[in-house]
């Protein structure tokens, strides 16, 4: 059973004067990634084909993920009444595909797959917490709070199943760490970048991964504060079997915070180059 429904959101409290225009493109992109949860459930169903308990849990997880997409999409259409969530999502689905016929994990083991899912839920729980604290618009704040709570429960769901499989597969610490680091690195892949493109750019504009991931990440990272990184790092450490509250976790959080600041500046520079290229092109043609 869902922990909340769309009808419980106080949509009538929407305040257009409190909308931060910089956050609207982020919400549009996130809506499509969340709405695509059903395909990931099909993938997980193939990987865990002989585990009916986990498959049932994954199916329920997907229903909640799709609801996240619907909630974010509904808010984005309030913030930008000219935006069509259904049309943007159809465009996204046409261009981005999840392997729904896999019969084994791309992580090499079921334990690895569940660690990767823990990384995703760590990122989303931290992100929606940060976004909810950043916005002053009351409906988006409520939606982010509800989603962040779901994502934290989803982390626990995958973590509990991961421990069950770890007892069977005995995946080494080095392999667990490699999976976790690899999945974190995939946050810059086409899933989010293409969602940003479909949600915010006209179909006549060619897709550029560099431009779209810079636009998304460069803005999203501004919502984070150090305590969000600290909490996320504790969840990462817990997932791979390290002390989530020890000195190593604190050091890793500080390093991750510095890395995020560096990446944010790198994305800003990428967008500046893109803008310069766009303005320079007509001059070149005129010459």
C-alpha atoms as a PDB file:
ATOM      1  CA  UNK A   1       0.000   0.000   0.000  1.00  0.00           C
ATOM      2  CA  UNK A   2       1.234   3.501  -0.821  1.00  0.00           C
ATOM      3  CA  UNK A   3       2.245   5.718   2.080  1.00  0.00           C
ATOM      4  CA  UNK A   4       0.538   8.693   0.437  1.00  0.00           C
ATOM      5  CA  UNK A   5      -1.468   9.525  -2.661  1.00  0.00           C
ATOM      6  CA  UNK A   6      -1.604  12.468  -5.040  1.00  0.00           C
ATOM      7  CA  UNK A   7      -4.966  13.459  -3.587  1.00  0.00           C
ATOM      8  CA  UNK A   8      -3.321  14.089  -0.225  1.00  0.00           C
ATOM      9  CA  UNK A   9      -1.029  16.782  -1.640  1.00  0.00           C
ATOM     10  CA  UNK A  10      -2.343  20.285  -0.919  1.00  0.00           C
ATOM     11  CA  UNK A  11      -2.326  21.395  -4.550  1.00  0.00           C
ATOM     12  CA  UNK A  12      -4.579  24.354  -3.734  1.00  0.00           C
ATOM     13  CA  UNK A  13      -1.721  25.827  -1.693  1.00  0.00           C
ATOM     14  CA  UNK A  14       0.442  26.334  -4.780  1.00  0.00           C
ATOM     15  CA  UNK A  15       2.027  29.791  -4.726  1.00  0.00           C
ATOM     16  CA  UNK A  16       3.255  30.944  -8.158  1.00  0.00           C
ATOM     17  CA  UNK A  17       5.050  33.919  -6.600  1.00  0.00           C
ATOM     18  CA  UNK A  18       7.286  31.526  -4.645  1.00  0.00           C
ATOM     19  CA  UNK A  19       8.411  29.477  -7.660  1.00  0.00           C
ATOM     20  CA  UNK A  20      12.151  29.632  -8.305  1.00  0.00           C
ATOM     21  CA  UNK A  21      12.500  29.514 -12.119  1.00  0.00           C
ATOM     22  CA  UNK A  22      15.882  27.801 -11.775  1.00  0.00           C
ATOM     23  CA  UNK A  23      14.271  24.785 -10.082  1.00  0.00           C
ATOM     24  CA  UNK A  24      11.506  24.193 -12.634  1.00  0.00           C
ATOM     25  CA  UNK A  25      13.801  22.552 -15.259  1.00  0.00           C
ATOM     26  CA  UNK A  26      15.180  20.239 -12.561  1.00  0.00           C
ATOM     27  CA  UNK A  27      11.711  19.133 -11.515  1.00  0.00           C
ATOM     28  CA  UNK A  28      10.698  18.492 -15.127  1.00  0.00           C
ATOM     29  CA  UNK A  29      13.715  16.232 -15.679  1.00  0.00           C
ATOM     30  CA  UNK A  30      13.312  14.413 -12.368  1.00  0.00           C
ATOM     31  CA  UNK A  31       9.629  13.788 -13.108  1.00  0.00           C
ATOM     32  CA  UNK A  32      10.483  11.735 -16.188  1.00  0.00           C
ATOM     33  CA  UNK A  33      13.231   9.690 -14.537  1.00  0.00           C
ATOM     34  CA  UNK A  34      10.910   8.822 -11.642  1.00  0.00           C
ATOM     35  CA  UNK A  35       7.975   8.055 -13.945  1.00  0.00           C
ATOM     36  CA  UNK A  36      10.139   5.489 -15.749  1.00  0.00           C
ATOM     37  CA  UNK A  37      10.199   3.230 -12.680  1.00  0.00           C
ATOM     38  CA  UNK A  38       8.117   0.471 -14.284  1.00  0.00           C
ATOM     39  CA  UNK A  39      10.916  -0.392 -16.721  1.00  0.00           C
ATOM     40  CA  UNK A  40      13.384  -0.763 -13.877  1.00  0.00           C
ATOM     41  CA  UNK A  41      10.948  -3.096 -12.123  1.00  0.00           C
ATOM     42  CA  UNK A  42      10.885  -5.257 -15.264  1.00  0.00           C
ATOM     43  CA  UNK A  43      14.688  -5.297 -15.288  1.00  0.00           C
ATOM     44  CA  UNK A  44      14.812  -6.251 -11.600  1.00  0.00           C
ATOM     45  CA  UNK A  45      12.142  -8.885 -12.183  1.00  0.00           C
ATOM     46  CA  UNK A  46      14.407 -10.567 -14.707  1.00  0.00           C
ATOM     47  CA  UNK A  47      17.475 -10.382 -12.482  1.00  0.00           C
ATOM     48  CA  UNK A  48      15.562 -11.790  -9.482  1.00  0.00           C
ATOM     49  CA  UNK A  49      13.280 -14.070 -11.512  1.00  0.00           C
ATOM     50  CA  UNK A  50      13.265 -16.858  -8.891  1.00  0.00           C
ATOM     51  CA  UNK A  51      12.773 -14.583  -5.858  1.00  0.00           C
ATOM     52  CA  UNK A  52       9.033 -13.851  -5.649  1.00  0.00           C
ATOM     53  CA  UNK A  53       9.336 -11.908  -2.384  1.00  0.00           C
ATOM     54  CA  UNK A  54      11.802  -9.449  -3.842  1.00  0.00           C
ATOM     55  CA  UNK A  55       9.936  -9.206  -7.136  1.00  0.00           C
ATOM     56  CA  UNK A  56       6.757  -8.241  -5.274  1.00  0.00           C
ATOM     57  CA  UNK A  57       8.701  -5.631  -3.313  1.00  0.00           C
ATOM     58  CA  UNK A  58      10.250  -4.265  -6.509  1.00  0.00           C
ATOM     59  CA  UNK A  59       6.845  -4.014  -8.179  1.00  0.00           C
ATOM     60  CA  UNK A  60       5.527  -2.017  -5.227  1.00  0.00           C
ATOM     61  CA  UNK A  61       8.647   0.167  -5.308  1.00  0.00           C
ATOM     62  CA  UNK A  62       7.995   0.916  -8.990  1.00  0.00           C
ATOM     63  CA  UNK A  63       4.424   2.020  -8.259  1.00  0.00           C
ATOM     64  CA  UNK A  64       5.738   4.517  -5.733  1.00  0.00           C
ATOM     65  CA  UNK A  65       8.431   5.706  -8.134  1.00  0.00           C
ATOM     66  CA  UNK A  66       5.843   6.330 -10.838  1.00  0.00           C
ATOM     67  CA  UNK A  67       3.778   8.298  -8.331  1.00  0.00           C
ATOM     68  CA  UNK A  68       6.831  10.450  -7.641  1.00  0.00           C
ATOM     69  CA  UNK A  69       6.978  11.214 -11.354  1.00  0.00           C
ATOM     70  CA  UNK A  70       3.291  12.061 -11.476  1.00  0.00           C
ATOM     71  CA  UNK A  71       3.584  14.383  -8.471  1.00  0.00           C
ATOM     72  CA  UNK A  72       6.632  16.195  -9.835  1.00  0.00           C
ATOM     73  CA  UNK A  73       5.067  16.401 -13.286  1.00  0.00           C
ATOM     74  CA  UNK A  74       1.864  17.857 -11.866  1.00  0.00           C
ATOM     75  CA  UNK A  75       3.819  20.495  -9.968  1.00  0.00           C
ATOM     76  CA  UNK A  76       5.865  21.389 -13.047  1.00  0.00           C
ATOM     77  CA  UNK A  77       2.662  21.948 -15.032  1.00  0.00           C
ATOM     78  CA  UNK A  78       1.448  24.317 -12.312  1.00  0.00           C
ATOM     79  CA  UNK A  79       4.757  26.177 -12.400  1.00  0.00           C
ATOM     80  CA  UNK A  80       4.800  26.213 -16.217  1.00  0.00           C
ATOM     81  CA  UNK A  81       1.199  25.914 -17.486  1.00  0.00           C
ATOM     82  CA  UNK A  82       2.383  25.594 -21.074  1.00  0.00           C
ATOM     83  CA  UNK A  83       4.380  22.444 -20.378  1.00  0.00           C
ATOM     84  CA  UNK A  84       2.935  19.045 -21.333  1.00  0.00           C
ATOM     85  CA  UNK A  85       4.287  16.319 -19.051  1.00  0.00           C
ATOM     86  CA  UNK A  86       2.729  13.466 -21.026  1.00  0.00           C
ATOM     87  CA  UNK A  87       4.232  14.666 -24.307  1.00  0.00           C
ATOM     88  CA  UNK A  88       7.659  15.230 -22.753  1.00  0.00           C
ATOM     89  CA  UNK A  89       7.616  11.784 -21.138  1.00  0.00           C
ATOM     90  CA  UNK A  90       6.604  10.113 -24.395  1.00  0.00           C
ATOM     91  CA  UNK A  91       9.565  11.817 -26.064  1.00  0.00           C
ATOM     92  CA  UNK A  92      11.849  10.617 -23.273  1.00  0.00           C
ATOM     93  CA  UNK A  93      10.591   7.036 -23.512  1.00  0.00           C
ATOM     94  CA  UNK A  94      11.139   7.052 -27.257  1.00  0.00           C
ATOM     95  CA  UNK A  95      14.799   7.983 -26.873  1.00  0.00           C
ATOM     96  CA  UNK A  96      15.953   6.395 -23.602  1.00  0.00           C
ATOM     97  CA  UNK A  97      15.585   2.678 -22.962  1.00  0.00           C
ATOM     98  CA  UNK A  98      16.190   0.353 -20.029  1.00  0.00           C
ATOM     99  CA  UNK A  99      17.000  -3.298 -20.768  1.00  0.00           C
ATOM    100  CA  UNK A 100      13.782  -4.918 -19.598  1.00  0.00           C
ATOM    101  CA  UNK A 101      14.681  -8.413 -20.851  1.00  0.00           C
ATOM    102  CA  UNK A 102      17.875  -8.974 -18.840  1.00  0.00           C
ATOM    103  CA  UNK A 103      18.118 -12.217 -16.886  1.00  0.00           C
ATOM    104  CA  UNK A 104      21.247 -11.293 -14.897  1.00  0.00           C
ATOM    105  CA  UNK A 105      22.538  -8.177 -13.221  1.00  0.00           C
ATOM    106  CA  UNK A 106      24.881  -5.859 -15.097  1.00  0.00           C
ATOM    107  CA  UNK A 107      26.663  -5.516 -11.729  1.00  0.00           C
ATOM    108  CA  UNK A 108      27.885  -9.119 -11.847  1.00  0.00           C
ATOM    109  CA  UNK A 109      25.882 -10.395  -8.886  1.00  0.00           C
ATOM    110  CA  UNK A 110      22.588  -9.875  -7.128  1.00  0.00           C
ATOM    111  CA  UNK A 111      24.384  -8.411  -4.127  1.00  0.00           C
ATOM    112  CA  UNK A 112      26.043  -5.929  -6.447  1.00  0.00           C
ATOM    113  CA  UNK A 113      22.708  -5.054  -8.038  1.00  0.00           C
ATOM    114  CA  UNK A 114      21.195  -4.301  -4.647  1.00  0.00           C
ATOM    115  CA  UNK A 115      24.188  -2.195  -3.620  1.00  0.00           C
ATOM    116  CA  UNK A 116      23.716  -0.198  -6.818  1.00  0.00           C
ATOM    117  CA  UNK A 117      20.043   0.316  -5.954  1.00  0.00           C
ATOM    118  CA  UNK A 118      21.091   1.499  -2.489  1.00  0.00           C
ATOM    119  CA  UNK A 119      23.323   4.100  -4.156  1.00  0.00           C
ATOM    120  CA  UNK A 120      20.412   5.348  -6.252  1.00  0.00           C
ATOM    121  CA  UNK A 121      18.132   5.661  -3.234  1.00  0.00           C
ATOM    122  CA  UNK A 122      20.892   7.386  -1.280  1.00  0.00           C
ATOM    123  CA  UNK A 123      21.215   9.955  -4.040  1.00  0.00           C
ATOM    124  CA  UNK A 124      17.488  10.543  -4.462  1.00  0.00           C
ATOM    125  CA  UNK A 125      16.782  10.736  -0.739  1.00  0.00           C
ATOM    126  CA  UNK A 126      19.532  13.335  -0.331  1.00  0.00           C
ATOM    127  CA  UNK A 127      18.503  15.219  -3.466  1.00  0.00           C
ATOM    128  CA  UNK A 128      14.819  15.613  -2.642  1.00  0.00           C
ATOM    129  CA  UNK A 129      15.709  16.578   0.920  1.00  0.00           C
ATOM    130  CA  UNK A 130      18.025  19.282  -0.421  1.00  0.00           C
ATOM    131  CA  UNK A 131      15.523  20.450  -3.036  1.00  0.00           C
ATOM    132  CA  UNK A 132      12.740  20.615  -0.457  1.00  0.00           C
ATOM    133  CA  UNK A 133      14.871  22.733   1.843  1.00  0.00           C
ATOM    134  CA  UNK A 134      15.908  24.985  -1.050  1.00  0.00           C
ATOM    135  CA  UNK A 135      12.425  25.871  -2.295  1.00  0.00           C
ATOM    136  CA  UNK A 136       9.996  28.205  -0.553  1.00  0.00           C
ATOM    137  CA  UNK A 137       7.046  27.107  -2.722  1.00  0.00           C
ATOM    138  CA  UNK A 138       4.818  25.167  -0.285  1.00  0.00           C
ATOM    139  CA  UNK A 139       3.534  22.456  -2.645  1.00  0.00           C
ATOM    140  CA  UNK A 140       6.975  21.578  -4.009  1.00  0.00           C
ATOM    141  CA  UNK A 141       8.281  21.547  -0.439  1.00  0.00           C
ATOM    142  CA  UNK A 142       5.569  19.079   0.561  1.00  0.00           C
ATOM    143  CA  UNK A 143       6.082  16.877  -2.515  1.00  0.00           C
ATOM    144  CA  UNK A 144       9.854  16.750  -1.930  1.00  0.00           C
ATOM    145  CA  UNK A 145       9.325  15.840   1.726  1.00  0.00           C
ATOM    146  CA  UNK A 146       7.012  12.973   0.794  1.00  0.00           C
ATOM    147  CA  UNK A 147       9.320  11.687  -1.932  1.00  0.00           C
ATOM    148  CA  UNK A 148      12.452  11.934   0.238  1.00  0.00           C
ATOM    149  CA  UNK A 149      10.746   9.848   2.943  1.00  0.00           C
ATOM    150  CA  UNK A 150       9.789   7.229   0.341  1.00  0.00           C
ATOM    151  CA  UNK A 151      13.325   7.133  -1.031  1.00  0.00           C
ATOM    152  CA  UNK A 152      14.791   6.561   2.415  1.00  0.00           C
ATOM    153  CA  UNK A 153      12.406   3.642   2.952  1.00  0.00           C
ATOM    154  CA  UNK A 154      13.398   2.341  -0.473  1.00  0.00           C
ATOM    155  CA  UNK A 155      17.030   2.462   0.618  1.00  0.00           C
ATOM    156  CA  UNK A 156      16.162   0.307   3.622  1.00  0.00           C
ATOM    157  CA  UNK A 157      14.219  -2.093   1.372  1.00  0.00           C
ATOM    158  CA  UNK A 158      17.185  -2.682  -0.936  1.00  0.00           C
ATOM    159  CA  UNK A 159      19.659  -2.701   1.952  1.00  0.00           C
ATOM    160  CA  UNK A 160      17.747  -5.442   3.798  1.00  0.00           C
ATOM    161  CA  UNK A 161      17.605  -7.616   0.672  1.00  0.00           C
ATOM    162  CA  UNK A 162      21.257  -6.863  -0.018  1.00  0.00           C
ATOM    163  CA  UNK A 163      22.236  -8.263   3.379  1.00  0.00           C
ATOM    164  CA  UNK A 164      20.246 -11.402   2.617  1.00  0.00           C
ATOM    165  CA  UNK A 165      22.094 -11.932  -0.658  1.00  0.00           C
ATOM    166  CA  UNK A 166      25.466 -10.976   0.798  1.00  0.00           C
ATOM    167  CA  UNK A 167      25.129 -13.875   3.217  1.00  0.00           C
ATOM    168  CA  UNK A 168      24.752 -16.200   0.211  1.00  0.00           C
ATOM    169  CA  UNK A 169      27.182 -14.690  -2.273  1.00  0.00           C
ATOM    170  CA  UNK A 170      29.823 -13.374   0.132  1.00  0.00           C
ATOM    171  CA  UNK A 171      30.810 -10.556  -2.212  1.00  0.00           C
ATOM    172  CA  UNK A 172      34.190  -9.159  -1.195  1.00  0.00           C
ATOM    173  CA  UNK A 173      34.509  -5.672   0.245  1.00  0.00           C
ATOM    174  CA  UNK A 174      36.586  -4.566  -2.750  1.00  0.00           C
ATOM    175  CA  UNK A 175      33.847  -5.650  -5.175  1.00  0.00           C
ATOM    176  CA  UNK A 176      31.153  -3.990  -3.063  1.00  0.00           C
ATOM    177  CA  UNK A 177      33.122  -0.765  -3.035  1.00  0.00           C
ATOM    178  CA  UNK A 178      33.713  -0.969  -6.794  1.00  0.00           C
ATOM    179  CA  UNK A 179      29.994  -1.388  -7.497  1.00  0.00           C
ATOM    180  CA  UNK A 180      29.081   1.517  -5.215  1.00  0.00           C
ATOM    181  CA  UNK A 181      31.658   3.856  -6.727  1.00  0.00           C
ATOM    182  CA  UNK A 182      30.700   2.833 -10.246  1.00  0.00           C
ATOM    183  CA  UNK A 183      26.997   3.474  -9.698  1.00  0.00           C
ATOM    184  CA  UNK A 184      27.679   6.880  -8.146  1.00  0.00           C
ATOM    185  CA  UNK A 185      29.724   7.753 -11.223  1.00  0.00           C
ATOM    186  CA  UNK A 186      26.777   6.852 -13.457  1.00  0.00           C
ATOM    187  CA  UNK A 187      24.846   9.860 -12.144  1.00  0.00           C
ATOM    188  CA  UNK A 188      26.303  11.720 -15.115  1.00  0.00           C
ATOM    189  CA  UNK A 189      25.012   9.292 -17.743  1.00  0.00           C
ATOM    190  CA  UNK A 190      22.249   9.879 -20.292  1.00  0.00           C
ATOM    191  CA  UNK A 191      19.345   9.044 -17.980  1.00  0.00           C
ATOM    192  CA  UNK A 192      19.211  12.494 -16.387  1.00  0.00           C
ATOM    193  CA  UNK A 193      20.824  14.433 -19.230  1.00  0.00           C
ATOM    194  CA  UNK A 194      18.324  13.180 -21.809  1.00  0.00           C
ATOM    195  CA  UNK A 195      15.446  13.771 -19.389  1.00  0.00           C
ATOM    196  CA  UNK A 196      16.605  17.376 -19.045  1.00  0.00           C
ATOM    197  CA  UNK A 197      16.726  17.674 -22.831  1.00  0.00           C
ATOM    198  CA  UNK A 198      13.224  16.272 -23.356  1.00  0.00           C
ATOM    199  CA  UNK A 199      11.743  18.304 -20.542  1.00  0.00           C
ATOM    200  CA  UNK A 200      13.305  21.655 -21.308  1.00  0.00           C
ATOM    201  CA  UNK A 201      14.558  21.892 -24.886  1.00  0.00           C
ATOM    202  CA  UNK A 202      12.650  22.084 -28.134  1.00  0.00           C
ATOM    203  CA  UNK A 203      12.680  19.018 -30.367  1.00  0.00           C
ATOM    204  CA  UNK A 204      14.513  21.064 -32.987  1.00  0.00           C
ATOM    205  CA  UNK A 205      17.515  21.442 -30.659  1.00  0.00           C
ATOM    206  CA  UNK A 206      20.046  18.594 -31.095  1.00  0.00           C
ATOM    207  CA  UNK A 207      20.702  16.640 -27.918  1.00  0.00           C
ATOM    208  CA  UNK A 208      24.043  17.409 -26.283  1.00  0.00           C
ATOM    209  CA  UNK A 209      24.961  15.300 -23.280  1.00  0.00           C
ATOM    210  CA  UNK A 210      27.617  17.770 -22.140  1.00  0.00           C
ATOM    211  CA  UNK A 211      25.250  20.737 -22.258  1.00  0.00           C
ATOM    212  CA  UNK A 212      22.300  18.976 -20.627  1.00  0.00           C
ATOM    213  CA  UNK A 213      24.185  17.287 -17.793  1.00  0.00           C
ATOM    214  CA  UNK A 214      25.955  20.569 -17.046  1.00  0.00           C
ATOM    215  CA  UNK A 215      22.641  22.434 -16.975  1.00  0.00           C
ATOM    216  CA  UNK A 216      21.045  19.859 -14.695  1.00  0.00           C
ATOM    217  CA  UNK A 217      23.910  19.118 -12.338  1.00  0.00           C
ATOM    218  CA  UNK A 218      25.227  22.665 -12.190  1.00  0.00           C
ATOM    219  CA  UNK A 219      21.876  23.870 -10.870  1.00  0.00           C
ATOM    220  CA  UNK A 220      21.020  20.839  -8.739  1.00  0.00           C
ATOM    221  CA  UNK A 221      24.315  20.968  -6.867  1.00  0.00           C
ATOM    222  CA  UNK A 222      23.539  24.473  -5.663  1.00  0.00           C
ATOM    223  CA  UNK A 223      20.744  23.056  -3.493  1.00  0.00           C
ATOM    224  CA  UNK A 224      23.095  20.864  -1.474  1.00  0.00           C
ATOM    225  CA  UNK A 225      24.540  21.792   1.883  1.00  0.00           C
ATOM    226  CA  UNK A 226      27.252  19.939   3.737  1.00  0.00           C
ATOM    227  CA  UNK A 227      24.822  18.058   6.010  1.00  0.00           C
ATOM    228  CA  UNK A 228      23.158  16.520   2.944  1.00  0.00           C
ATOM    229  CA  UNK A 229      26.516  15.163   1.780  1.00  0.00           C
ATOM    230  CA  UNK A 230      27.386  13.970   5.265  1.00  0.00           C
ATOM    231  CA  UNK A 231      24.124  12.031   5.576  1.00  0.00           C
ATOM    232  CA  UNK A 232      24.477  10.571   2.082  1.00  0.00           C
ATOM    233  CA  UNK A 233      28.029   9.428   2.741  1.00  0.00           C
ATOM    234  CA  UNK A 234      26.893   7.656   5.903  1.00  0.00           C
ATOM    235  CA  UNK A 235      24.359   5.729   3.803  1.00  0.00           C
ATOM    236  CA  UNK A 236      27.053   4.829   1.253  1.00  0.00           C
ATOM    237  CA  UNK A 237      29.348   3.570   4.000  1.00  0.00           C
ATOM    238  CA  UNK A 238      26.555   1.503   5.519  1.00  0.00           C
ATOM    239  CA  UNK A 239      25.808  -0.078   2.146  1.00  0.00           C
ATOM    240  CA  UNK A 240      29.355  -1.340   1.612  1.00  0.00           C
ATOM    241  CA  UNK A 241      29.847  -2.503   5.207  1.00  0.00           C
ATOM    242  CA  UNK A 242      31.795   0.384   6.724  1.00  0.00           C
ATOM    243  CA  UNK A 243      31.062   2.347   9.893  1.00  0.00           C
ATOM    244  CA  UNK A 244      28.602   5.067   8.797  1.00  0.00           C
ATOM    245  CA  UNK A 245      29.456   7.313  11.739  1.00  0.00           C
ATOM    246  CA  UNK A 246      33.215   6.925  11.999  1.00  0.00           C
ATOM    247  CA  UNK A 247      36.117   9.219  11.204  1.00  0.00           C
ATOM    248  CA  UNK A 248      36.508   7.703   7.730  1.00  0.00           C
ATOM    249  CA  UNK A 249      32.938   8.628   6.882  1.00  0.00           C
ATOM    250  CA  UNK A 250      33.522  12.207   8.017  1.00  0.00           C
ATOM    251  CA  UNK A 251      36.695  12.472   5.941  1.00  0.00           C
ATOM    252  CA  UNK A 252      34.944  11.020   2.909  1.00  0.00           C
ATOM    253  CA  UNK A 253      32.079  13.494   3.312  1.00  0.00           C
ATOM    254  CA  UNK A 254      34.511  16.412   3.392  1.00  0.00           C
ATOM    255  CA  UNK A 255      36.217  15.110   0.279  1.00  0.00           C
ATOM    256  CA  UNK A 256      32.865  14.623  -1.487  1.00  0.00           C
ATOM    257  CA  UNK A 257      31.835  18.166  -0.555  1.00  0.00           C
ATOM    258  CA  UNK A 258      35.008  19.620  -2.073  1.00  0.00           C
ATOM    259  CA  UNK A 259      34.569  17.466  -5.166  1.00  0.00           C
ATOM    260  CA  UNK A 260      31.003  18.696  -5.584  1.00  0.00           C
ATOM    261  CA  UNK A 261      32.137  22.314  -5.398  1.00  0.00           C
ATOM    262  CA  UNK A 262      34.794  21.619  -8.040  1.00  0.00           C
ATOM    263  CA  UNK A 263      32.308  19.840 -10.298  1.00  0.00           C
ATOM    264  CA  UNK A 264      29.813  22.680  -9.940  1.00  0.00           C
ATOM    265  CA  UNK A 265      32.424  25.124 -11.213  1.00  0.00           C
ATOM    266  CA  UNK A 266      33.305  22.763 -14.045  1.00  0.00           C
ATOM    267  CA  UNK A 267      29.661  22.599 -15.117  1.00  0.00           C
ATOM    268  CA  UNK A 268      29.433  26.408 -14.959  1.00  0.00           C
ATOM    269  CA  UNK A 269      32.400  26.638 -17.310  1.00  0.00           C
ATOM    270  CA  UNK A 270      30.841  24.088 -19.684  1.00  0.00           C
ATOM    271  CA  UNK A 271      27.633  26.118 -19.890  1.00  0.00           C
ATOM    272  CA  UNK A 272      29.622  29.303 -20.459  1.00  0.00           C
ATOM    273  CA  UNK A 273      31.445  27.644 -23.368  1.00  0.00           C
ATOM    274  CA  UNK A 274      28.159  26.426 -24.809  1.00  0.00           C
ATOM    275  CA  UNK A 275      26.729  29.943 -24.583  1.00  0.00           C
ATOM    276  CA  UNK A 276      29.788  31.426 -26.274  1.00  0.00           C
ATOM    277  CA  UNK A 277      29.606  28.873 -29.083  1.00  0.00           C
ATOM    278  CA  UNK A 278      25.913  29.657 -29.618  1.00  0.00           C
ATOM    279  CA  UNK A 279      26.451  33.425 -29.833  1.00  0.00           C
ATOM    280  CA  UNK A 280      29.595  33.097 -31.953  1.00  0.00           C
ATOM    281  CA  UNK A 281      28.007  30.844 -34.603  1.00  0.00           C
ATOM    282  CA  UNK A 282      25.808  33.533 -36.256  1.00  0.00           C
ATOM    283  CA  UNK A 283      28.795  35.862 -36.482  1.00  0.00           C
ATOM    284  CA  UNK A 284      30.805  33.223 -38.263  1.00  0.00           C
ATOM    285  CA  UNK A 285      28.013  32.625 -40.758  1.00  0.00           C
ATOM    286  CA  UNK A 286      27.637  36.381 -41.345  1.00  0.00           C
ATOM    287  CA  UNK A 287      31.327  36.700 -42.151  1.00  0.00           C
END
